[in-house]
Each structure stands twice: as structure tokens, then as C-alpha cells.
């Protein structure tokens, strides 16, 4: 009911025809293609590989590697070059890990 009201209000304000919402939903469903699924699989494979490479850093385990990856540190170089404050903001990263990473610089 609210969506109908909003669409009517938009049509009044912008002087366009009121379009029902159901065709939009059909278009979204039709827009999905198998190609998108393969890209998603590729991204998950790449992310797993990147997380595995982060575990090569001293003191970085699977959990902290995943947390670093999700925080935006995709490569080992990015982690090593990162500011200490940025690394401390990541859950699972403590001062001991930062000391180990400092030795790599």
C-alpha cells in the first residue's frame, strides 16, 4: 500500500505515468544469467587463495587472515605496508602480530 502511494506520488511530482512494480520484479529475475554465477565462483576461489596467502605471514592464522581479507587487506604486501592503527582495528589482530609484521619491513 505504501509502495503504491509512493509510486503515485512520484508520478504526480515528476509527471510521469504510474508503472506497476511487478514488471520490475520480472525484469530483475530475467536479468540473472549463468555468467554471473561463474563470476561469483571465481571470486570465491580467488578470495580463498588470497586468504591462504595471507596465512604465510608469521603469526597469521586462518581466522586472522580471513579478518584481514574482509577488512580490505588483500595481499601480504598490503598487510606489511599497512599502518599499525589500521591493523589494530581488525578483529583478531593484536600488538604481538604487529610486532612480527614490523620485522618484515
Protein backbone atom coordinates (compact mmCIF):
# COMPACT_ATOMS: atom_id res chain seq x y z
CA UNK A 1 0.00 0.00 0.00
CA UNK A 2 2.82 2.37 0.85
CA UNK A 3 4.67 1.49 -2.33
CA UNK A 4 1.59 2.28 -4.41
CA UNK A 5 1.27 5.59 -2.63
CA UNK A 6 4.92 6.41 -3.23
CA UNK A 7 4.76 5.48 -6.90
CA UNK A 8 1.66 7.64 -7.35
CA UNK A 9 3.37 10.49 -5.52
CA UNK A 10 6.40 10.16 -7.78
CA UNK A 11 4.18 10.22 -10.84
CA UNK A 12 2.50 13.39 -9.63
CA UNK A 13 5.75 15.10 -8.75
CA UNK A 14 7.66 14.06 -11.84
CA UNK A 15 4.64 13.98 -14.17
CA UNK A 16 5.26 10.51 -15.45
CA UNK A 17 2.99 7.56 -15.78
CA UNK A 18 2.48 5.24 -12.84
CA UNK A 19 4.18 1.95 -13.54
CA UNK A 20 3.27 -1.15 -11.61
CA UNK A 21 6.04 -2.81 -9.61
CA UNK A 22 5.51 -6.33 -10.87
CA UNK A 23 7.20 -5.81 -14.27
CA UNK A 24 10.30 -4.56 -12.47
CA UNK A 25 10.44 -7.72 -10.44
CA UNK A 26 10.15 -9.79 -13.59
CA UNK A 27 12.96 -7.82 -15.22
CA UNK A 28 15.25 -8.44 -12.27
CA UNK A 29 14.62 -12.16 -12.44
CA UNK A 30 15.18 -12.20 -16.18
CA UNK A 31 18.43 -10.23 -15.83
CA UNK A 32 20.12 -13.05 -13.92
CA UNK A 33 22.26 -15.22 -16.12
CA UNK A 34 24.59 -18.19 -15.67
CA UNK A 35 27.57 -15.93 -16.36
CA UNK A 36 27.04 -14.17 -13.04
CA UNK A 37 27.23 -17.46 -11.21
CA UNK A 38 30.60 -18.29 -12.73
CA UNK A 39 31.96 -14.89 -11.75
CA UNK A 40 30.83 -15.47 -8.18
CA UNK A 41 32.55 -18.85 -8.13
CA UNK A 42 35.72 -17.27 -9.49
CA UNK A 43 35.61 -14.57 -6.85
CA UNK A 44 35.21 -17.08 -4.04
CA UNK A 45 38.08 -19.18 -5.40
CA UNK A 46 40.28 -16.08 -5.66
CA UNK A 47 39.33 -14.94 -2.17
CA UNK A 48 40.20 -18.36 -0.74
CA UNK A 49 43.57 -18.24 -2.47
CA UNK A 50 44.23 -14.74 -1.16
CA UNK A 51 43.29 -15.78 2.36
CA UNK A 52 45.63 -18.76 2.10
CA UNK A 53 48.48 -16.50 1.00
CA UNK A 54 47.85 -14.23 3.99
CA UNK A 55 48.41 -17.20 6.28
CA UNK A 56 52.02 -17.33 5.05
CA UNK A 57 52.72 -14.25 7.14
CA UNK A 58 54.24 -15.06 10.54
CA UNK A 59 51.62 -15.11 13.28
CA UNK A 60 48.65 -15.02 10.90
CA UNK A 61 46.29 -17.96 11.15
CA UNK A 62 43.16 -18.81 9.20
CA UNK A 63 40.83 -16.67 11.31
CA UNK A 64 43.00 -13.57 11.35
CA UNK A 65 43.75 -13.98 7.63
CA UNK A 66 40.03 -14.01 6.88
CA UNK A 67 39.51 -10.96 9.08
CA UNK A 68 42.35 -9.12 7.34
CA UNK A 69 40.96 -10.02 3.92
CA UNK A 70 37.47 -8.81 4.84
CA UNK A 71 38.98 -5.58 6.21
CA UNK A 72 40.46 -4.84 2.79
CA UNK A 73 43.98 -6.20 3.07
CA UNK A 74 44.00 -8.49 0.02
CA UNK A 75 47.73 -9.17 -0.31
CA UNK A 76 50.66 -9.79 2.01
CA UNK A 77 52.28 -6.58 0.76
CA UNK A 78 49.19 -4.62 1.76
CA UNK A 79 49.32 -6.07 5.27
CA UNK A 80 53.03 -5.38 5.67
CA UNK A 81 52.70 -1.80 4.37
CA UNK A 82 49.59 -1.03 6.45
CA UNK A 83 49.57 1.44 9.31
CA UNK A 84 49.55 -0.04 12.81
CA UNK A 85 46.29 1.69 13.72
CA UNK A 86 44.55 0.22 10.69
CA UNK A 87 45.74 -3.27 11.57
CA UNK A 88 44.68 -2.93 15.21
CA UNK A 89 41.18 -2.05 14.04
CA UNK A 90 40.85 -5.56 12.57
CA UNK A 91 39.41 -8.11 14.98
CA UNK A 92 41.89 -10.87 15.75
CA UNK A 93 44.93 -8.68 15.23
CA UNK A 94 46.90 -7.73 18.30
CA UNK A 95 50.08 -5.97 19.21
CA UNK A 96 52.14 -9.19 19.05
CA UNK A 97 51.16 -9.75 15.43
CA UNK A 98 52.04 -6.17 14.59
CA UNK A 99 55.48 -6.63 16.16
CA UNK A 100 56.05 -9.71 13.98
CA UNK A 101 54.96 -7.81 10.89
CA UNK A 102 57.29 -4.89 11.72
CA UNK A 103 60.24 -7.26 11.47
CA UNK A 104 59.28 -7.98 7.85
CA UNK A 105 59.54 -4.33 6.77
